Amino acid sequence: MEVADMRLLLTLGGMVVSIASAAAIVKQKLSTVIEQLTDIEKRLRVLDQRVDKSELTSQRVDVLASILSPERRQVLFERIAKQEERLRAAESEIDHLRDMHNSKHPRIE
C-alpha cells in the first residue's frame, strides 16, 4: 500500500506543480495583456483628440464657407449699396438745408 500511496502523492504533487506553473504563466500573460491594453487606451485617447480637432476644424471651415458664400456676399453688398445711397441722399439734404440757413434771408416786413 505504501507504493500506491507514494504514487498518489507523487501524482498529486505533480498536479500541484502543474497548476502552480500554469497560474504563474497566466499571471505573466495577464500582466502583458494589461500593459498592451493600457498602451492601446493611450493611443485611442490621442486618436480621439485628433478626431475632435479635425471635427472642430471642419466646423470652422463650414462656418467660414457660409460666411463667404457668394449668395451671402451679394446680400451684404446690396445692403451696403443701399446704405451708401441713403447716406448720399442724407448728405444732399443736409447740404440743401445748410445752404438755406446760411444764405441771406429775405426781409420780413
N, C-alpha and C. Protein backbone atom coordinates (compact mmCIF):
# COMPACT_ATOMS: atom_id res chain seq x y z
N MET A 1 0.79 -1.17 0.00
CA MET A 1 0.00 0.00 0.00
C MET A 1 0.85 1.26 0.00
N GLU A 2 2.00 1.20 0.52
CA GLU A 2 2.87 2.37 0.58
C GLU A 2 3.30 2.81 -0.80
N VAL A 3 3.48 1.89 -1.69
CA VAL A 3 3.88 2.23 -3.05
C VAL A 3 2.73 2.97 -3.74
N ALA A 4 1.51 2.52 -3.52
CA ALA A 4 0.36 3.18 -4.13
C ALA A 4 0.18 4.57 -3.53
N ASP A 5 0.38 4.68 -2.20
CA ASP A 5 0.28 5.99 -1.57
C ASP A 5 1.36 6.94 -2.08
N MET A 6 2.54 6.35 -2.29
CA MET A 6 3.66 7.16 -2.78
C MET A 6 3.36 7.66 -4.20
N ARG A 7 2.80 6.79 -5.03
CA ARG A 7 2.45 7.17 -6.39
C ARG A 7 1.35 8.25 -6.38
N LEU A 8 0.39 8.06 -5.52
CA LEU A 8 -0.69 9.04 -5.40
C LEU A 8 -0.15 10.40 -4.97
N LEU A 9 0.75 10.38 -3.99
CA LEU A 9 1.36 11.63 -3.53
C LEU A 9 2.19 12.28 -4.63
N LEU A 10 2.93 11.46 -5.37
CA LEU A 10 3.73 11.98 -6.47
C LEU A 10 2.81 12.57 -7.55
N THR A 11 1.73 11.90 -7.85
CA THR A 11 0.79 12.39 -8.85
C THR A 11 0.16 13.70 -8.38
N LEU A 12 -0.27 13.72 -7.13
CA LEU A 12 -0.85 14.94 -6.58
C LEU A 12 0.17 16.09 -6.57
N GLY A 13 1.40 15.77 -6.20
CA GLY A 13 2.47 16.79 -6.20
C GLY A 13 2.71 17.33 -7.60
N GLY A 14 2.72 16.42 -8.59
CA GLY A 14 2.91 16.84 -9.98
C GLY A 14 1.77 17.73 -10.45
N MET A 15 0.56 17.38 -10.03
CA MET A 15 -0.58 18.19 -10.41
C MET A 15 -0.51 19.58 -9.78
N VAL A 16 -0.10 19.62 -8.50
CA VAL A 16 0.03 20.91 -7.82
C VAL A 16 1.09 21.76 -8.50
N VAL A 17 2.22 21.15 -8.86
CA VAL A 17 3.28 21.88 -9.55
C VAL A 17 2.78 22.36 -10.91
N SER A 18 2.04 21.52 -11.64
CA SER A 18 1.48 21.91 -12.94
C SER A 18 0.53 23.08 -12.79
N ILE A 19 -0.34 23.01 -11.80
CA ILE A 19 -1.30 24.10 -11.58
C ILE A 19 -0.58 25.38 -11.19
N ALA A 20 0.42 25.28 -10.33
CA ALA A 20 1.17 26.46 -9.90
C ALA A 20 1.91 27.09 -11.07
N SER A 21 2.54 26.26 -11.92
CA SER A 21 3.27 26.81 -13.07
C SER A 21 2.29 27.41 -14.09
N ALA A 22 1.14 26.76 -14.26
CA ALA A 22 0.14 27.30 -15.17
C ALA A 22 -0.37 28.65 -14.64
N ALA A 23 -0.58 28.75 -13.33
CA ALA A 23 -1.03 30.01 -12.73
C ALA A 23 0.01 31.10 -12.93
N ALA A 24 1.29 30.76 -12.77
CA ALA A 24 2.36 31.75 -12.97
C ALA A 24 2.40 32.22 -14.42
N ILE A 25 2.23 31.30 -15.35
CA ILE A 25 2.24 31.66 -16.77
C ILE A 25 1.04 32.56 -17.09
N VAL A 26 -0.13 32.21 -16.56
CA VAL A 26 -1.32 33.03 -16.78
C VAL A 26 -1.14 34.42 -16.19
N LYS A 27 -0.53 34.48 -15.00
CA LYS A 27 -0.30 35.78 -14.36
C LYS A 27 0.62 36.64 -15.22
N GLN A 28 1.68 36.04 -15.75
CA GLN A 28 2.61 36.78 -16.60
C GLN A 28 1.93 37.24 -17.87
N LYS A 29 1.18 36.36 -18.51
CA LYS A 29 0.47 36.73 -19.74
C LYS A 29 -0.56 37.82 -19.46
N LEU A 30 -1.24 37.72 -18.33
CA LEU A 30 -2.24 38.72 -17.97
C LEU A 30 -1.61 40.09 -17.77
N SER A 31 -0.45 40.14 -17.13
CA SER A 31 0.21 41.44 -16.94
C SER A 31 0.65 42.01 -18.29
N THR A 32 1.08 41.14 -19.22
CA THR A 32 1.44 41.60 -20.56
C THR A 32 0.22 42.15 -21.29
N VAL A 33 -0.90 41.45 -21.19
CA VAL A 33 -2.13 41.91 -21.84
C VAL A 33 -2.59 43.23 -21.23
N ILE A 34 -2.48 43.41 -19.92
CA ILE A 34 -2.88 44.66 -19.27
C ILE A 34 -2.00 45.80 -19.75
N GLU A 35 -0.69 45.56 -19.88
CA GLU A 35 0.21 46.60 -20.39
C GLU A 35 -0.17 46.98 -21.83
N GLN A 36 -0.46 45.99 -22.66
CA GLN A 36 -0.86 46.27 -24.03
C GLN A 36 -2.18 47.05 -24.07
N LEU A 37 -3.09 46.67 -23.21
CA LEU A 37 -4.38 47.36 -23.15
C LEU A 37 -4.20 48.82 -22.72
N THR A 38 -3.33 49.06 -21.78
CA THR A 38 -3.04 50.43 -21.34
C THR A 38 -2.44 51.25 -22.48
N ASP A 39 -1.52 50.64 -23.22
CA ASP A 39 -0.91 51.32 -24.36
C ASP A 39 -1.95 51.62 -25.44
N ILE A 40 -2.81 50.67 -25.72
CA ILE A 40 -3.86 50.87 -26.72
C ILE A 40 -4.82 51.97 -26.27
N GLU A 41 -5.12 52.00 -24.98
CA GLU A 41 -6.01 53.03 -24.45
C GLU A 41 -5.41 54.42 -24.63
N LYS A 42 -4.10 54.56 -24.36
CA LYS A 42 -3.43 55.84 -24.55
C LYS A 42 -3.49 56.27 -26.01
N ARG A 43 -3.21 55.33 -26.91
CA ARG A 43 -3.24 55.64 -28.34
C ARG A 43 -4.65 56.04 -28.78
N LEU A 44 -5.64 55.36 -28.24
CA LEU A 44 -7.02 55.68 -28.58
C LEU A 44 -7.39 57.09 -28.12
N ARG A 45 -6.91 57.48 -26.95
CA ARG A 45 -7.18 58.85 -26.47
C ARG A 45 -6.55 59.88 -27.40
N VAL A 46 -5.31 59.61 -27.84
CA VAL A 46 -4.64 60.53 -28.76
C VAL A 46 -5.41 60.62 -30.08
N LEU A 47 -5.83 59.48 -30.59
CA LEU A 47 -6.60 59.49 -31.83
C LEU A 47 -7.94 60.22 -31.65
N ASP A 48 -8.56 60.04 -30.51
CA ASP A 48 -9.83 60.71 -30.23
C ASP A 48 -9.63 62.23 -30.20
N GLN A 49 -8.53 62.67 -29.60
CA GLN A 49 -8.24 64.11 -29.57
C GLN A 49 -8.01 64.64 -30.98
N ARG A 50 -7.31 63.86 -31.81
CA ARG A 50 -7.08 64.28 -33.19
C ARG A 50 -8.39 64.39 -33.96
N VAL A 51 -9.26 63.42 -33.75
CA VAL A 51 -10.55 63.44 -34.44
C VAL A 51 -11.36 64.66 -33.98
N ASP A 52 -11.33 64.96 -32.67
CA ASP A 52 -12.04 66.13 -32.16
C ASP A 52 -11.52 67.41 -32.81
N LYS A 53 -10.19 67.53 -32.90
CA LYS A 53 -9.60 68.72 -33.53
C LYS A 53 -9.99 68.79 -35.00
N SER A 54 -10.00 67.67 -35.66
CA SER A 54 -10.38 67.63 -37.07
C SER A 54 -11.84 68.05 -37.25
N GLU A 55 -12.72 67.56 -36.38
CA GLU A 55 -14.13 67.94 -36.46
C GLU A 55 -14.31 69.43 -36.20
N LEU A 56 -13.56 69.95 -35.24
CA LEU A 56 -13.64 71.38 -34.94
C LEU A 56 -13.17 72.21 -36.13
N THR A 57 -12.07 71.77 -36.74
CA THR A 57 -11.56 72.47 -37.92
C THR A 57 -12.58 72.41 -39.04
N SER A 58 -13.20 71.27 -39.22
CA SER A 58 -14.22 71.13 -40.25
C SER A 58 -15.40 72.07 -39.99
N GLN A 59 -15.82 72.18 -38.75
CA GLN A 59 -16.92 73.08 -38.41
C GLN A 59 -16.53 74.53 -38.69
N ARG A 60 -15.31 74.89 -38.35
CA ARG A 60 -14.85 76.25 -38.60
C ARG A 60 -14.83 76.55 -40.10
N VAL A 61 -14.36 75.60 -40.88
CA VAL A 61 -14.32 75.79 -42.33
C VAL A 61 -15.74 75.94 -42.87
N ASP A 62 -16.67 75.15 -42.36
CA ASP A 62 -18.07 75.27 -42.80
C ASP A 62 -18.64 76.64 -42.47
N VAL A 63 -18.32 77.16 -41.28
CA VAL A 63 -18.81 78.48 -40.90
C VAL A 63 -18.22 79.55 -41.81
N LEU A 64 -16.92 79.46 -42.04
CA LEU A 64 -16.28 80.45 -42.93
C LEU A 64 -16.83 80.34 -44.35
N ALA A 65 -17.08 79.12 -44.80
CA ALA A 65 -17.63 78.94 -46.15
C ALA A 65 -19.02 79.56 -46.25
N SER A 66 -19.81 79.41 -45.20
CA SER A 66 -21.15 80.00 -45.25
C SER A 66 -21.08 81.53 -45.18
N ILE A 67 -20.14 82.05 -44.41
CA ILE A 67 -19.99 83.50 -44.32
C ILE A 67 -19.53 84.08 -45.65
N LEU A 68 -18.62 83.38 -46.31
CA LEU A 68 -18.04 83.90 -47.54
C LEU A 68 -18.74 83.38 -48.79
N SER A 69 -19.91 82.79 -48.64
CA SER A 69 -20.61 82.26 -49.80
C SER A 69 -21.02 83.41 -50.72
N PRO A 70 -21.04 83.18 -52.02
CA PRO A 70 -21.38 84.25 -52.98
C PRO A 70 -22.77 84.84 -52.73
N GLU A 71 -23.74 83.99 -52.37
CA GLU A 71 -25.09 84.49 -52.13
C GLU A 71 -25.11 85.46 -50.96
N ARG A 72 -24.44 85.08 -49.89
CA ARG A 72 -24.43 85.93 -48.71
C ARG A 72 -23.66 87.22 -48.97
N ARG A 73 -22.56 87.11 -49.69
CA ARG A 73 -21.78 88.31 -50.00
C ARG A 73 -22.60 89.25 -50.88
N GLN A 74 -23.38 88.69 -51.80
CA GLN A 74 -24.22 89.52 -52.67
C GLN A 74 -25.24 90.29 -51.83
N VAL A 75 -25.87 89.60 -50.86
CA VAL A 75 -26.84 90.27 -50.00
C VAL A 75 -26.17 91.38 -49.21
N LEU A 76 -24.98 91.11 -48.69
CA LEU A 76 -24.26 92.13 -47.92
C LEU A 76 -23.88 93.33 -48.80
N PHE A 77 -23.41 93.05 -50.01
CA PHE A 77 -23.05 94.15 -50.91
C PHE A 77 -24.27 94.98 -51.28
N GLU A 78 -25.43 94.34 -51.46
CA GLU A 78 -26.65 95.09 -51.76
C GLU A 78 -27.04 95.98 -50.59
N ARG A 79 -26.90 95.46 -49.36
CA ARG A 79 -27.20 96.28 -48.18
C ARG A 79 -26.27 97.48 -48.10
N ILE A 80 -24.99 97.22 -48.34
CA ILE A 80 -24.01 98.32 -48.29
C ILE A 80 -24.34 99.36 -49.36
N ALA A 81 -24.71 98.91 -50.55
CA ALA A 81 -25.04 99.85 -51.62
C ALA A 81 -26.25 100.70 -51.24
N LYS A 82 -27.27 100.07 -50.64
CA LYS A 82 -28.46 100.82 -50.20
C LYS A 82 -28.08 101.84 -49.13
N GLN A 83 -27.23 101.44 -48.18
CA GLN A 83 -26.82 102.37 -47.13
C GLN A 83 -26.02 103.53 -47.70
N GLU A 84 -25.17 103.25 -48.67
CA GLU A 84 -24.40 104.32 -49.29
C GLU A 84 -25.32 105.29 -50.02
N GLU A 85 -26.33 104.77 -50.70
CA GLU A 85 -27.28 105.63 -51.40
C GLU A 85 -28.07 106.49 -50.42
N ARG A 86 -28.50 105.90 -49.31
CA ARG A 86 -29.21 106.67 -48.29
C ARG A 86 -28.29 107.73 -47.69
N LEU A 87 -27.02 107.41 -47.51
CA LEU A 87 -26.06 108.37 -46.98
C LEU A 87 -25.89 109.54 -47.95
N ARG A 88 -25.79 109.24 -49.24
CA ARG A 88 -25.66 110.31 -50.24
C ARG A 88 -26.90 111.21 -50.23
N ALA A 89 -28.07 110.59 -50.14
CA ALA A 89 -29.31 111.38 -50.11
C ALA A 89 -29.36 112.25 -48.86
N ALA A 90 -28.97 111.69 -47.71
CA ALA A 90 -28.98 112.47 -46.47
C ALA A 90 -27.97 113.62 -46.55
N GLU A 91 -26.80 113.35 -47.11
CA GLU A 91 -25.80 114.42 -47.26
C GLU A 91 -26.32 115.52 -48.18
N SER A 92 -27.01 115.12 -49.23
CA SER A 92 -27.57 116.11 -50.16
C SER A 92 -28.60 116.98 -49.45
N GLU A 93 -29.47 116.35 -48.67
CA GLU A 93 -30.47 117.11 -47.92
C GLU A 93 -29.82 118.04 -46.90
N ILE A 94 -28.78 117.54 -46.24
CA ILE A 94 -28.06 118.38 -45.26
C ILE A 94 -27.43 119.57 -45.96
N ASP A 95 -26.81 119.35 -47.12
CA ASP A 95 -26.21 120.46 -47.87
C ASP A 95 -27.29 121.47 -48.27
N HIS A 96 -28.43 120.98 -48.70
CA HIS A 96 -29.52 121.87 -49.09
C HIS A 96 -30.00 122.70 -47.89
N LEU A 97 -30.18 122.04 -46.74
CA LEU A 97 -30.60 122.76 -45.53
C LEU A 97 -29.54 123.76 -45.07
N ARG A 98 -28.30 123.40 -45.21
CA ARG A 98 -27.21 124.29 -44.81
C ARG A 98 -27.21 125.52 -45.71
N ASP A 99 -27.40 125.32 -47.01
CA ASP A 99 -27.44 126.45 -47.94
C ASP A 99 -28.61 127.36 -47.62
N MET A 100 -29.74 126.77 -47.27
CA MET A 100 -30.91 127.58 -46.92
C MET A 100 -30.64 128.39 -45.67
N HIS A 101 -30.01 127.82 -44.71
CA HIS A 101 -29.80 128.51 -43.43
C HIS A 101 -28.71 129.56 -43.53
N ASN A 102 -27.66 129.30 -44.23
CA ASN A 102 -26.53 130.22 -44.28
C ASN A 102 -26.67 131.28 -45.37
N SER A 103 -27.65 131.20 -46.17
CA SER A 103 -27.81 132.22 -47.19
C SER A 103 -28.57 133.41 -46.60
N LYS A 104 -28.75 134.44 -47.41
CA LYS A 104 -29.45 135.63 -46.94
C LYS A 104 -30.93 135.33 -46.87
N HIS A 105 -31.49 135.76 -45.79
CA HIS A 105 -32.92 135.59 -45.64
C HIS A 105 -33.63 136.83 -46.19
N PRO A 106 -34.75 136.58 -46.79
CA PRO A 106 -35.49 137.78 -47.26
C PRO A 106 -35.99 138.56 -46.06
N ARG A 107 -36.10 139.80 -46.25
CA ARG A 107 -36.52 140.68 -45.17
C ARG A 107 -38.00 140.52 -44.92
N ILE A 108 -38.36 140.37 -43.70
CA ILE A 108 -39.75 140.20 -43.36
C ILE A 108 -40.27 141.56 -42.92
N GLU A 109 -41.35 142.04 -43.53
CA GLU A 109 -41.88 143.34 -43.18
C GLU A 109 -43.25 143.23 -42.63
